[in-house]
């Protein structure tokens, strides 16, 4: 099992995943809202978009922009169940546990923290 730092380092070697970055406007949003609010947003998005065994519109459910967490979801390959399976071996067609959801949220927040400077 890889650590968050190992996962983020691996993602940085992907041409597609490494192309995501936070804009100044998104960094300002993060600063204004604070880490606790952003984490709550990430938890909601993961619960709604990834946790169900059969997410609605899987593969197309996460916008590419509109919220820093959406960008983090794409940058970390946590945007759909197919990417979660490919990158992290998360089984398809199985509801995510609370522990699995929190691991995803922790990865998203780590990516945001690395990229908000």
PDB file of N, CA and C in Angstrom:
ATOM      1  N   UNK A   1       0.842  -1.175   0.000  1.00  0.00           N
ATOM      2  CA  UNK A   1       0.000   0.000   0.000  1.00  0.00           C
ATOM      3  C   UNK A   1       0.895   1.249   0.000  1.00  0.00           C
ATOM      4  N   UNK A   2       0.580   2.172  -0.888  1.00  0.00           N
ATOM      5  CA  UNK A   2       1.408   3.369  -1.008  1.00  0.00           C
ATOM      6  C   UNK A   2       0.941   4.476  -0.064  1.00  0.00           C
ATOM      7  N   UNK A   3       1.875   5.331   0.284  1.00  0.00           N
ATOM      8  CA  UNK A   3       1.551   6.490   1.117  1.00  0.00           C
ATOM      9  C   UNK A   3       0.975   7.595   0.228  1.00  0.00           C
ATOM     10  N   UNK A   4       0.451   8.620   0.863  1.00  0.00           N
ATOM     11  CA  UNK A   4      -0.063   9.766   0.110  1.00  0.00           C
ATOM     12  C   UNK A   4       1.063  10.414  -0.683  1.00  0.00           C
ATOM     13  N   UNK A   5       2.237  10.583  -0.072  1.00  0.00           N
ATOM     14  CA  UNK A   5       3.361  11.195  -0.786  1.00  0.00           C
ATOM     15  C   UNK A   5       3.778  10.349  -1.980  1.00  0.00           C
ATOM     16  N   UNK A   6       3.790   9.037  -1.825  1.00  0.00           N
ATOM     17  CA  UNK A   6       4.135   8.157  -2.950  1.00  0.00           C
ATOM     18  C   UNK A   6       3.106   8.293  -4.071  1.00  0.00           C
ATOM     19  N   UNK A   7       1.826   8.348  -3.705  1.00  0.00           N
ATOM     20  CA  UNK A   7       0.775   8.502  -4.716  1.00  0.00           C
ATOM     21  C   UNK A   7       0.917   9.831  -5.446  1.00  0.00           C
ATOM     22  N   UNK A   8       1.151  10.909  -4.706  1.00  0.00           N
ATOM     23  CA  UNK A   8       1.294  12.224  -5.334  1.00  0.00           C
ATOM     24  C   UNK A   8       2.530  12.283  -6.232  1.00  0.00           C
ATOM     25  N   UNK A   9       3.614  11.655  -5.808  1.00  0.00           N
ATOM     26  CA  UNK A   9       4.827  11.613  -6.637  1.00  0.00           C
ATOM     27  C   UNK A   9       4.569  10.837  -7.932  1.00  0.00           C
ATOM     28  N   UNK A  10       3.839   9.739  -7.834  1.00  0.00           N
ATOM     29  CA  UNK A  10       3.505   8.936  -9.020  1.00  0.00           C
ATOM     30  C   UNK A  10       2.612   9.739  -9.977  1.00  0.00           C
ATOM     31  N   UNK A  11       1.638  10.454  -9.424  1.00  0.00           N
ATOM     32  CA  UNK A  11       0.745  11.270 -10.245  1.00  0.00           C
ATOM     33  C   UNK A  11       1.504  12.374 -10.973  1.00  0.00           C
ATOM     34  N   UNK A  12       2.547  12.914 -10.334  1.00  0.00           N
ATOM     35  CA  UNK A  12       3.342  13.970 -10.968  1.00  0.00           C
ATOM     36  C   UNK A  12       4.086  13.470 -12.203  1.00  0.00           C
ATOM     37  N   UNK A  13       4.272  12.167 -12.328  1.00  0.00           N
ATOM     38  CA  UNK A  13       4.948  11.601 -13.499  1.00  0.00           C
ATOM     39  C   UNK A  13       3.987  11.351 -14.659  1.00  0.00           C
ATOM     40  N   UNK A  14       2.696  11.537 -14.427  1.00  0.00           N
ATOM     41  CA  UNK A  14       1.690  11.390 -15.476  1.00  0.00           C
ATOM     42  C   UNK A  14       1.534  12.724 -16.197  1.00  0.00           C
ATOM     43  N   UNK A  15       1.675  12.704 -17.505  1.00  0.00           N
ATOM     44  CA  UNK A  15       1.554  13.943 -18.276  1.00  0.00           C
ATOM     45  C   UNK A  15       0.183  14.589 -18.064  1.00  0.00           C
ATOM     46  N   UNK A  16      -0.876  13.771 -18.083  1.00  0.00           N
ATOM     47  CA  UNK A  16      -2.226  14.302 -17.909  1.00  0.00           C
ATOM     48  C   UNK A  16      -2.449  14.797 -16.487  1.00  0.00           C
ATOM     49  N   UNK A  17      -2.180  13.969 -15.493  1.00  0.00           N
ATOM     50  CA  UNK A  17      -2.464  14.322 -14.093  1.00  0.00           C
ATOM     51  C   UNK A  17      -1.605  15.493 -13.616  1.00  0.00           C
ATOM     52  N   UNK A  18      -0.390  15.599 -14.103  1.00  0.00           N
ATOM     53  CA  UNK A  18       0.501  16.680 -13.660  1.00  0.00           C
ATOM     54  C   UNK A  18       0.159  18.017 -14.309  1.00  0.00           C
ATOM     55  N   UNK A  19      -0.763  18.014 -15.250  1.00  0.00           N
ATOM     56  CA  UNK A  19      -1.138  19.252 -15.934  1.00  0.00           C
ATOM     57  C   UNK A  19      -2.138  20.106 -15.172  1.00  0.00           C
ATOM     58  N   UNK A  20      -2.619  19.604 -14.060  1.00  0.00           N
ATOM     59  CA  UNK A  20      -3.593  20.361 -13.270  1.00  0.00           C
ATOM     60  C   UNK A  20      -2.878  21.248 -12.263  1.00  0.00           C
ATOM     61  N   UNK A  21      -3.385  22.458 -12.087  1.00  0.00           N
ATOM     62  CA  UNK A  21      -2.820  23.393 -11.120  1.00  0.00           C
ATOM     63  C   UNK A  21      -3.941  24.306 -10.646  1.00  0.00           C
ATOM     64  N   UNK A  22      -3.736  24.915  -9.524  1.00  0.00           N
ATOM     65  CA  UNK A  22      -4.714  25.848  -8.970  1.00  0.00           C
ATOM     66  C   UNK A  22      -4.441  27.255  -9.495  1.00  0.00           C
ATOM     67  N   UNK A  23      -5.492  27.927  -9.898  1.00  0.00           N
ATOM     68  CA  UNK A  23      -5.360  29.316 -10.340  1.00  0.00           C
ATOM     69  C   UNK A  23      -5.264  30.215  -9.112  1.00  0.00           C
ATOM     70  N   UNK A  24      -4.887  31.454  -9.321  1.00  0.00           N
ATOM     71  CA  UNK A  24      -4.821  32.411  -8.215  1.00  0.00           C
ATOM     72  C   UNK A  24      -6.203  32.595  -7.591  1.00  0.00           C
ATOM     73  N   UNK A  25      -7.237  32.612  -8.408  1.00  0.00           N
ATOM     74  CA  UNK A  25      -8.604  32.751  -7.899  1.00  0.00           C
ATOM     75  C   UNK A  25      -8.964  31.558  -7.001  1.00  0.00           C
ATOM     76  N   UNK A  26      -8.571  30.354  -7.405  1.00  0.00           N
ATOM     77  CA  UNK A  26      -8.843  29.163  -6.594  1.00  0.00           C
ATOM     78  C   UNK A  26      -8.039  29.193  -5.293  1.00  0.00           C
ATOM     79  N   UNK A  27      -6.803  29.648  -5.366  1.00  0.00           N
ATOM     80  CA  UNK A  27      -5.986  29.765  -4.154  1.00  0.00           C
ATOM     81  C   UNK A  27      -6.608  30.768  -3.180  1.00  0.00           C
ATOM     82  N   UNK A  28      -7.124  31.855  -3.722  1.00  0.00           N
ATOM     83  CA  UNK A  28      -7.788  32.856  -2.890  1.00  0.00           C
ATOM     84  C   UNK A  28      -9.043  32.252  -2.254  1.00  0.00           C
ATOM     85  N   UNK A  29      -9.797  31.489  -3.016  1.00  0.00           N
ATOM     86  CA  UNK A  29     -10.995  30.823  -2.502  1.00  0.00           C
ATOM     87  C   UNK A  29     -10.627  29.898  -1.339  1.00  0.00           C
ATOM     88  N   UNK A  30      -9.558  29.129  -1.520  1.00  0.00           N
ATOM     89  CA  UNK A  30      -9.094  28.233  -0.457  1.00  0.00           C
ATOM     90  C   UNK A  30      -8.746  29.009   0.806  1.00  0.00           C
ATOM     91  N   UNK A  31      -8.072  30.119   0.625  1.00  0.00           N
ATOM     92  CA  UNK A  31      -7.668  30.953   1.756  1.00  0.00           C
ATOM     93  C   UNK A  31      -8.896  31.520   2.478  1.00  0.00           C
ATOM     94  N   UNK A  32      -9.867  31.981   1.698  1.00  0.00           N
ATOM     95  CA  UNK A  32     -11.072  32.579   2.281  1.00  0.00           C
ATOM     96  C   UNK A  32     -11.915  31.555   3.028  1.00  0.00           C
ATOM     97  N   UNK A  33     -12.063  30.375   2.468  1.00  0.00           N
ATOM     98  CA  UNK A  33     -12.940  29.358   3.056  1.00  0.00           C
ATOM     99  C   UNK A  33     -12.288  28.601   4.207  1.00  0.00           C
ATOM    100  N   UNK A  34     -10.992  28.384   4.118  1.00  0.00           N
ATOM    101  CA  UNK A  34     -10.296  27.639   5.163  1.00  0.00           C
ATOM    102  C   UNK A  34     -10.323  26.141   4.929  1.00  0.00           C
ATOM    103  N   UNK A  35      -9.384  25.476   5.530  1.00  0.00           N
ATOM    104  CA  UNK A  35      -9.184  24.043   5.319  1.00  0.00           C
ATOM    105  C   UNK A  35     -10.380  23.198   5.764  1.00  0.00           C
ATOM    106  N   UNK A  36     -10.999  23.546   6.875  1.00  0.00           N
ATOM    107  CA  UNK A  36     -12.122  22.748   7.386  1.00  0.00           C
ATOM    108  C   UNK A  36     -13.311  22.777   6.416  1.00  0.00           C
ATOM    109  N   UNK A  37     -13.597  23.934   5.857  1.00  0.00           N
ATOM    110  CA  UNK A  37     -14.707  24.051   4.902  1.00  0.00           C
ATOM    111  C   UNK A  37     -14.388  23.298   3.622  1.00  0.00           C
ATOM    112  N   UNK A  38     -13.161  23.425   3.131  1.00  0.00           N
ATOM    113  CA  UNK A  38     -12.768  22.727   1.904  1.00  0.00           C
ATOM    114  C   UNK A  38     -12.824  21.219   2.127  1.00  0.00           C
ATOM    115  N   UNK A  39     -12.370  20.755   3.282  1.00  0.00           N
ATOM    116  CA  UNK A  39     -12.454  19.317   3.606  1.00  0.00           C
ATOM    117  C   UNK A  39     -13.918  18.859   3.620  1.00  0.00           C
ATOM    118  N   UNK A  40     -14.800  19.662   4.185  1.00  0.00           N
ATOM    119  CA  UNK A  40     -16.227  19.315   4.205  1.00  0.00           C
ATOM    120  C   UNK A  40     -16.780  19.230   2.784  1.00  0.00           C
ATOM    121  N   UNK A  41     -16.364  20.150   1.913  1.00  0.00           N
ATOM    122  CA  UNK A  41     -16.784  20.096   0.509  1.00  0.00           C
ATOM    123  C   UNK A  41     -16.261  18.806  -0.132  1.00  0.00           C
ATOM    124  N   UNK A  42     -14.995  18.486   0.108  1.00  0.00           N
ATOM    125  CA  UNK A  42     -14.407  17.265  -0.461  1.00  0.00           C
ATOM    126  C   UNK A  42     -15.164  16.027   0.018  1.00  0.00           C
ATOM    127  N   UNK A  43     -15.492  15.987   1.296  1.00  0.00           N
ATOM    128  CA  UNK A  43     -16.248  14.847   1.835  1.00  0.00           C
ATOM    129  C   UNK A  43     -17.601  14.719   1.153  1.00  0.00           C
ATOM    130  N   UNK A  44     -18.277  15.843   0.939  1.00  0.00           N
ATOM    131  CA  UNK A  44     -19.579  15.828   0.257  1.00  0.00           C
ATOM    132  C   UNK A  44     -19.437  15.342  -1.181  1.00  0.00           C
ATOM    133  N   UNK A  45     -18.444  15.876  -1.905  1.00  0.00           N
ATOM    134  CA  UNK A  45     -18.259  15.481  -3.302  1.00  0.00           C
ATOM    135  C   UNK A  45     -17.922  14.000  -3.422  1.00  0.00           C
ATOM    136  N   UNK A  46     -17.057  13.506  -2.562  1.00  0.00           N
ATOM    137  CA  UNK A  46     -16.686  12.089  -2.601  1.00  0.00           C
ATOM    138  C   UNK A  46     -17.901  11.225  -2.284  1.00  0.00           C
ATOM    139  N   UNK A  47     -18.658  11.606  -1.272  1.00  0.00           N
ATOM    140  CA  UNK A  47     -19.847  10.842  -0.889  1.00  0.00           C
ATOM    141  C   UNK A  47     -20.867  10.808  -2.027  1.00  0.00           C
ATOM    142  N   UNK A  48     -21.067  11.941  -2.693  1.00  0.00           N
ATOM    143  CA  UNK A  48     -22.068  12.024  -3.760  1.00  0.00           C
ATOM    144  C   UNK A  48     -21.596  11.410  -5.073  1.00  0.00           C
ATOM    145  N   UNK A  49     -20.348  11.672  -5.446  1.00  0.00           N
ATOM    146  CA  UNK A  49     -19.874  11.334  -6.788  1.00  0.00           C
ATOM    147  C   UNK A  49     -19.110  10.024  -6.889  1.00  0.00           C
ATOM    148  N   UNK A  50     -18.531   9.548  -5.786  1.00  0.00           N
ATOM    149  CA  UNK A  50     -17.691   8.350  -5.859  1.00  0.00           C
ATOM    150  C   UNK A  50     -18.158   7.193  -4.984  1.00  0.00           C
ATOM    151  N   UNK A  51     -18.785   7.477  -3.871  1.00  0.00           N
ATOM    152  CA  UNK A  51     -19.109   6.432  -2.897  1.00  0.00           C
ATOM    153  C   UNK A  51     -20.149   5.414  -3.363  1.00  0.00           C
ATOM    154  N   UNK A  52     -21.162   5.807  -4.128  1.00  0.00           N
ATOM    155  CA  UNK A  52     -22.156   4.797  -4.528  1.00  0.00           C
ATOM    156  C   UNK A  52     -21.525   3.680  -5.371  1.00  0.00           C
ATOM    157  N   UNK A  53     -22.090   2.497  -5.261  1.00  0.00           N
ATOM    158  CA  UNK A  53     -21.596   1.359  -6.044  1.00  0.00           C
ATOM    159  C   UNK A  53     -21.718   1.638  -7.543  1.00  0.00           C
ATOM    160  N   UNK A  54     -22.753   2.344  -7.925  1.00  0.00           N
ATOM    161  CA  UNK A  54     -22.992   2.696  -9.331  1.00  0.00           C
ATOM    162  C   UNK A  54     -23.263   4.199  -9.416  1.00  0.00           C
ATOM    163  N   UNK A  55     -22.214   5.025  -9.382  1.00  0.00           N
ATOM    164  CA  UNK A  55     -22.430   6.478  -9.425  1.00  0.00           C
ATOM    165  C   UNK A  55     -23.139   6.917 -10.699  1.00  0.00           C
ATOM    166  N   UNK A  56     -23.994   7.901 -10.558  1.00  0.00           N
ATOM    167  CA  UNK A  56     -24.704   8.466 -11.699  1.00  0.00           C
ATOM    168  C   UNK A  56     -23.703   9.069 -12.677  1.00  0.00           C
ATOM    169  N   UNK A  57     -23.828   8.730 -13.961  1.00  0.00           N
ATOM    170  CA  UNK A  57     -22.939   9.255 -15.012  1.00  0.00           C
ATOM    171  C   UNK A  57     -21.472   8.974 -14.725  1.00  0.00           C
ATOM    172  N   UNK A  58     -21.165   7.785 -14.221  1.00  0.00           N
ATOM    173  CA  UNK A  58     -19.775   7.481 -13.871  1.00  0.00           C
ATOM    174  C   UNK A  58     -18.857   7.723 -15.057  1.00  0.00           C
ATOM    175  N   UNK A  59     -17.772   8.397 -14.790  1.00  0.00           N
ATOM    176  CA  UNK A  59     -16.825   8.774 -15.830  1.00  0.00           C
ATOM    177  C   UNK A  59     -17.039  10.194 -16.317  1.00  0.00           C
ATOM    178  N   UNK A  60     -18.201  10.751 -16.001  1.00  0.00           N
ATOM    179  CA  UNK A  60     -18.506  12.120 -16.416  1.00  0.00           C
ATOM    180  C   UNK A  60     -19.098  12.933 -15.281  1.00  0.00           C
ATOM    181  N   UNK A  61     -19.045  12.406 -14.054  1.00  0.00           N
ATOM    182  CA  UNK A  61     -19.732  13.051 -12.952  1.00  0.00           C
ATOM    183  C   UNK A  61     -18.970  14.196 -12.301  1.00  0.00           C
ATOM    184  N   UNK A  62     -17.678  14.307 -12.559  1.00  0.00           N
ATOM    185  CA  UNK A  62     -16.881  15.342 -11.897  1.00  0.00           C
ATOM    186  C   UNK A  62     -16.477  16.424 -12.894  1.00  0.00           C
ATOM    187  N   UNK A  63     -16.946  17.647 -12.691  1.00  0.00           N
ATOM    188  CA  UNK A  63     -16.549  18.735 -13.595  1.00  0.00           C
ATOM    189  C   UNK A  63     -15.038  18.972 -13.537  1.00  0.00           C
ATOM    190  N   UNK A  64     -14.486  19.530 -14.586  1.00  0.00           N
ATOM    191  CA  UNK A  64     -13.049  19.822 -14.641  1.00  0.00           C
ATOM    192  C   UNK A  64     -12.715  21.127 -13.934  1.00  0.00           C
ATOM    193  N   UNK A  65     -13.703  21.967 -13.707  1.00  0.00           N
ATOM    194  CA  UNK A  65     -13.455  23.249 -13.047  1.00  0.00           C
ATOM    195  C   UNK A  65     -14.707  23.660 -12.282  1.00  0.00           C
ATOM    196  N   UNK A  66     -14.586  24.772 -11.544  1.00  0.00           N
ATOM    197  CA  UNK A  66     -15.714  25.263 -10.780  1.00  0.00           C
ATOM    198  C   UNK A  66     -15.487  25.189  -9.281  1.00  0.00           C
ATOM    199  N   UNK A  67     -14.535  24.359  -8.864  1.00  0.00           N
ATOM    200  CA  UNK A  67     -14.204  24.241  -7.439  1.00  0.00           C
ATOM    201  C   UNK A  67     -12.817  23.606  -7.354  1.00  0.00           C
ATOM    202  N   UNK A  68     -11.973  24.080  -6.439  1.00  0.00           N
ATOM    203  CA  UNK A  68     -10.631  23.493  -6.320  1.00  0.00           C
ATOM    204  C   UNK A  68     -10.643  21.981  -6.052  1.00  0.00           C
ATOM    205  N   UNK A  69     -11.652  21.497  -5.360  1.00  0.00           N
ATOM    206  CA  UNK A  69     -11.719  20.052  -5.097  1.00  0.00           C
ATOM    207  C   UNK A  69     -11.956  19.280  -6.399  1.00  0.00           C
ATOM    208  N   UNK A  70     -12.751  19.818  -7.314  1.00  0.00           N
ATOM    209  CA  UNK A  70     -12.950  19.143  -8.594  1.00  0.00           C
ATOM    210  C   UNK A  70     -11.619  18.984  -9.324  1.00  0.00           C
ATOM    211  N   UNK A  71     -10.832  20.043  -9.312  1.00  0.00           N
ATOM    212  CA  UNK A  71      -9.523  19.994  -9.956  1.00  0.00           C
ATOM    213  C   UNK A  71      -8.640  18.955  -9.270  1.00  0.00           C
ATOM    214  N   UNK A  72      -8.674  18.930  -7.945  1.00  0.00           N
ATOM    215  CA  UNK A  72      -7.894  17.942  -7.189  1.00  0.00           C
ATOM    216  C   UNK A  72      -8.350  16.525  -7.513  1.00  0.00           C
ATOM    217  N   UNK A  73      -9.640  16.345  -7.707  1.00  0.00           N
ATOM    218  CA  UNK A  73     -10.160  15.006  -8.031  1.00  0.00           C
ATOM    219  C   UNK A  73      -9.571  14.508  -9.343  1.00  0.00           C
ATOM    220  N   UNK A  74      -9.461  15.379 -10.331  1.00  0.00           N
ATOM    221  CA  UNK A  74      -8.871  14.976 -11.616  1.00  0.00           C
ATOM    222  C   UNK A  74      -7.358  14.801 -11.493  1.00  0.00           C
ATOM    223  N   UNK A  75      -6.707  15.695 -10.782  1.00  0.00           N
ATOM    224  CA  UNK A  75      -5.251  15.631 -10.640  1.00  0.00           C
ATOM    225  C   UNK A  75      -4.803  14.375  -9.901  1.00  0.00           C
ATOM    226  N   UNK A  76      -5.645  13.866  -9.010  1.00  0.00           N
ATOM    227  CA  UNK A  76      -5.281  12.700  -8.209  1.00  0.00           C
ATOM    228  C   UNK A  76      -5.920  11.408  -8.712  1.00  0.00           C
ATOM    229  N   UNK A  77      -6.573  11.453  -9.851  1.00  0.00           N
ATOM    230  CA  UNK A  77      -7.247  10.277 -10.423  1.00  0.00           C
ATOM    231  C   UNK A  77      -8.341   9.760  -9.497  1.00  0.00           C
ATOM    232  N   UNK A  78      -9.027  10.696  -8.845  1.00  0.00           N
ATOM    233  CA  UNK A  78     -10.167  10.370  -7.981  1.00  0.00           C
ATOM    234  C   UNK A  78     -11.447  10.978  -8.554  1.00  0.00           C
ATOM    235  N   UNK A  79     -11.519  11.071  -9.861  1.00  0.00           N
ATOM    236  CA  UNK A  79     -12.633  11.737 -10.525  1.00  0.00           C
ATOM    237  C   UNK A  79     -13.779  10.790 -10.842  1.00  0.00           C
ATOM    238  N   UNK A  80     -13.507   9.499 -10.956  1.00  0.00           N
ATOM    239  CA  UNK A  80     -14.547   8.525 -11.254  1.00  0.00           C
ATOM    240  C   UNK A  80     -14.100   7.151 -10.764  1.00  0.00           C
ATOM    241  N   UNK A  81     -15.014   6.220 -10.765  1.00  0.00           N
ATOM    242  CA  UNK A  81     -14.691   4.884 -10.269  1.00  0.00           C
ATOM    243  C   UNK A  81     -13.693   4.174 -11.185  1.00  0.00           C
ATOM    244  N   UNK A  82     -13.736   4.451 -12.472  1.00  0.00           N
ATOM    245  CA  UNK A  82     -12.774   3.848 -13.396  1.00  0.00           C
ATOM    246  C   UNK A  82     -11.345   4.267 -13.078  1.00  0.00           C
ATOM    247  N   UNK A  83     -11.141   5.549 -12.812  1.00  0.00           N
ATOM    248  CA  UNK A  83      -9.799   6.040 -12.469  1.00  0.00           C
ATOM    249  C   UNK A  83      -9.367   5.518 -11.107  1.00  0.00           C
ATOM    250  N   UNK A  84     -10.288   5.467 -10.149  1.00  0.00           N
ATOM    251  CA  UNK A  84      -9.947   4.905  -8.836  1.00  0.00           C
ATOM    252  C   UNK A  84      -9.503   3.451  -8.968  1.00  0.00           C
ATOM    253  N   UNK A  85     -10.167   2.718  -9.834  1.00  0.00           N
ATOM    254  CA  UNK A  85      -9.800   1.319 -10.046  1.00  0.00           C
ATOM    255  C   UNK A  85      -8.446   1.200 -10.736  1.00  0.00           C
ATOM    256  N   UNK A  86      -8.239   1.997 -11.768  1.00  0.00           N
ATOM    257  CA  UNK A  86      -6.985   1.938 -12.532  1.00  0.00           C
ATOM    258  C   UNK A  86      -5.780   2.339 -11.683  1.00  0.00           C
ATOM    259  N   UNK A  87      -5.898   3.431 -10.944  1.00  0.00           N
ATOM    260  CA  UNK A  87      -4.753   3.967 -10.203  1.00  0.00           C
ATOM    261  C   UNK A  87      -4.568   3.359  -8.821  1.00  0.00           C
ATOM    262  N   UNK A  88      -5.686   2.983  -8.177  1.00  0.00           N
ATOM    263  CA  UNK A  88      -5.603   2.562  -6.770  1.00  0.00           C
ATOM    264  C   UNK A  88      -6.220   1.188  -6.495  1.00  0.00           C
ATOM    265  N   UNK A  89      -6.680   0.522  -7.552  1.00  0.00           N
ATOM    266  CA  UNK A  89      -7.278  -0.819  -7.431  1.00  0.00           C
ATOM    267  C   UNK A  89      -8.532  -0.832  -6.554  1.00  0.00           C
ATOM    268  N   UNK A  90      -9.268   0.265  -6.518  1.00  0.00           N
ATOM    269  CA  UNK A  90     -10.534   0.313  -5.787  1.00  0.00           C
ATOM    270  C   UNK A  90     -11.551  -0.471  -6.615  1.00  0.00           C
ATOM    271  N   UNK A  91     -12.182  -1.474  -6.037  1.00  0.00           N
ATOM    272  CA  UNK A  91     -13.111  -2.314  -6.805  1.00  0.00           C
ATOM    273  C   UNK A  91     -14.282  -1.523  -7.384  1.00  0.00           C
ATOM    274  N   UNK A  92     -14.660  -1.902  -8.591  1.00  0.00           N
ATOM    275  CA  UNK A  92     -15.838  -1.323  -9.228  1.00  0.00           C
ATOM    276  C   UNK A  92     -17.090  -1.971  -8.649  1.00  0.00           C
ATOM    277  N   UNK A  93     -18.221  -1.309  -8.770  1.00  0.00           N
ATOM    278  CA  UNK A  93     -19.540  -1.847  -8.418  1.00  0.00           C
ATOM    279  C   UNK A  93     -19.669  -2.224  -6.942  1.00  0.00           C
ATOM    280  N   UNK A  94     -18.920  -1.540  -6.084  1.00  0.00           N
ATOM    281  CA  UNK A  94     -18.984  -1.775  -4.643  1.00  0.00           C
ATOM    282  C   UNK A  94     -19.016  -0.413  -3.965  1.00  0.00           C
ATOM    283  N   UNK A  95     -19.970  -0.223  -3.063  1.00  0.00           N
ATOM    284  CA  UNK A  95     -20.055   1.045  -2.349  1.00  0.00           C
ATOM    285  C   UNK A  95     -18.791   1.264  -1.521  1.00  0.00           C
ATOM    286  N   UNK A  96     -18.287   2.490  -1.533  1.00  0.00           N
ATOM    287  CA  UNK A  96     -17.092   2.804  -0.758  1.00  0.00           C
ATOM    288  C   UNK A  96     -17.433   2.912   0.721  1.00  0.00           C
ATOM    289  N   UNK A  97     -16.560   2.381   1.552  1.00  0.00           N
ATOM    290  CA  UNK A  97     -16.733   2.488   2.996  1.00  0.00           C
ATOM    291  C   UNK A  97     -16.353   3.897   3.441  1.00  0.00           C
ATOM    292  N   UNK A  98     -16.699   4.233   4.673  1.00  0.00           N
ATOM    293  CA  UNK A  98     -16.306   5.528   5.237  1.00  0.00           C
ATOM    294  C   UNK A  98     -14.780   5.657   5.252  1.00  0.00           C
ATOM    295  N   UNK A  99     -14.092   4.578   5.576  1.00  0.00           N
ATOM    296  CA  UNK A  99     -12.621   4.595   5.610  1.00  0.00           C
ATOM    297  C   UNK A  99     -12.060   4.871   4.225  1.00  0.00           C
ATOM    298  N   UNK A 100     -12.590   4.220   3.203  1.00  0.00           N
ATOM    299  CA  UNK A 100     -12.128   4.452   1.831  1.00  0.00           C
ATOM    300  C   UNK A 100     -12.404   5.892   1.419  1.00  0.00           C
ATOM    301  N   UNK A 101     -13.567   6.402   1.774  1.00  0.00           N
ATOM    302  CA  UNK A 101     -13.898   7.787   1.441  1.00  0.00           C
ATOM    303  C   UNK A 101     -12.927   8.752   2.106  1.00  0.00           C
ATOM    304  N   UNK A 102     -12.591   8.506   3.370  1.00  0.00           N
ATOM    305  CA  UNK A 102     -11.666   9.395   4.083  1.00  0.00           C
ATOM    306  C   UNK A 102     -10.259   9.337   3.481  1.00  0.00           C
ATOM    307  N   UNK A 103      -9.833   8.167   3.014  1.00  0.00           N
ATOM    308  CA  UNK A 103      -8.525   8.062   2.357  1.00  0.00           C
ATOM    309  C   UNK A 103      -8.496   8.925   1.099  1.00  0.00           C
ATOM    310  N   UNK A 104      -9.585   8.916   0.345  1.00  0.00           N
ATOM    311  CA  UNK A 104      -9.671   9.735  -0.867  1.00  0.00           C
ATOM    312  C   UNK A 104      -9.637  11.222  -0.488  1.00  0.00           C
ATOM    313  N   UNK A 105     -10.414  11.594   0.512  1.00  0.00           N
ATOM    314  CA  UNK A 105     -10.440  12.990   0.963  1.00  0.00           C
ATOM    315  C   UNK A 105      -9.049  13.412   1.431  1.00  0.00           C
ATOM    316  N   UNK A 106      -8.363  12.555   2.165  1.00  0.00           N
ATOM    317  CA  UNK A 106      -7.009  12.882   2.626  1.00  0.00           C
ATOM    318  C   UNK A 106      -6.064  13.105   1.451  1.00  0.00           C
ATOM    319  N   UNK A 107      -6.188  12.295   0.410  1.00  0.00           N
ATOM    320  CA  UNK A 107      -5.359  12.466  -0.785  1.00  0.00           C
ATOM    321  C   UNK A 107      -5.689  13.787  -1.480  1.00  0.00           C
ATOM    322  N   UNK A 108      -6.971  14.078  -1.616  1.00  0.00           N
ATOM    323  CA  UNK A 108      -7.385  15.348  -2.244  1.00  0.00           C
ATOM    324  C   UNK A 108      -6.841  16.546  -1.475  1.00  0.00           C
ATOM    325  N   UNK A 109      -6.958  16.507  -0.164  1.00  0.00           N
ATOM    326  CA  UNK A 109      -6.479  17.625   0.659  1.00  0.00           C
ATOM    327  C   UNK A 109      -4.959  17.747   0.597  1.00  0.00           C
ATOM    328  N   UNK A 110      -4.261  16.623   0.508  1.00  0.00           N
ATOM    329  CA  UNK A 110      -2.802  16.673   0.392  1.00  0.00           C
ATOM    330  C   UNK A 110      -2.400  17.316  -0.935  1.00  0.00           C
ATOM    331  N   UNK A 111      -3.105  16.974  -2.017  1.00  0.00           N
ATOM    332  CA  UNK A 111      -2.804  17.594  -3.313  1.00  0.00           C
ATOM    333  C   UNK A 111      -3.062  19.102  -3.239  1.00  0.00           C
ATOM    334  N   UNK A 112      -4.177  19.477  -2.647  1.00  0.00           N
ATOM    335  CA  UNK A 112      -4.504  20.907  -2.514  1.00  0.00           C
ATOM    336  C   UNK A 112      -3.414  21.609  -1.700  1.00  0.00           C
ATOM    337  N   UNK A 113      -3.024  21.017  -0.593  1.00  0.00           N
ATOM    338  CA  UNK A 113      -1.982  21.638   0.242  1.00  0.00           C
ATOM    339  C   UNK A 113      -0.674  21.796  -0.516  1.00  0.00           C
ATOM    340  N   UNK A 114      -0.315  20.810  -1.320  1.00  0.00           N
ATOM    341  CA  UNK A 114       0.935  20.887  -2.109  1.00  0.00           C
ATOM    342  C   UNK A 114       0.871  21.974  -3.166  1.00  0.00           C
ATOM    343  N   UNK A 115      -0.324  22.230  -3.657  1.00  0.00           N
ATOM    344  CA  UNK A 115      -0.464  23.114  -4.820  1.00  0.00           C
ATOM    345  C   UNK A 115      -0.980  24.507  -4.514  1.00  0.00           C
ATOM    346  N   UNK A 116      -1.265  24.809  -3.267  1.00  0.00           N
ATOM    347  CA  UNK A 116      -1.833  26.127  -2.977  1.00  0.00           C
ATOM    348  C   UNK A 116      -0.779  27.194  -2.692  1.00  0.00           C
ATOM    349  N   UNK A 117       0.492  26.847  -2.615  1.00  0.00           N
ATOM    350  CA  UNK A 117       1.534  27.850  -2.376  1.00  0.00           C
ATOM    351  C   UNK A 117       1.782  28.677  -3.612  1.00  0.00           C
TER     352      UNK A 117
END
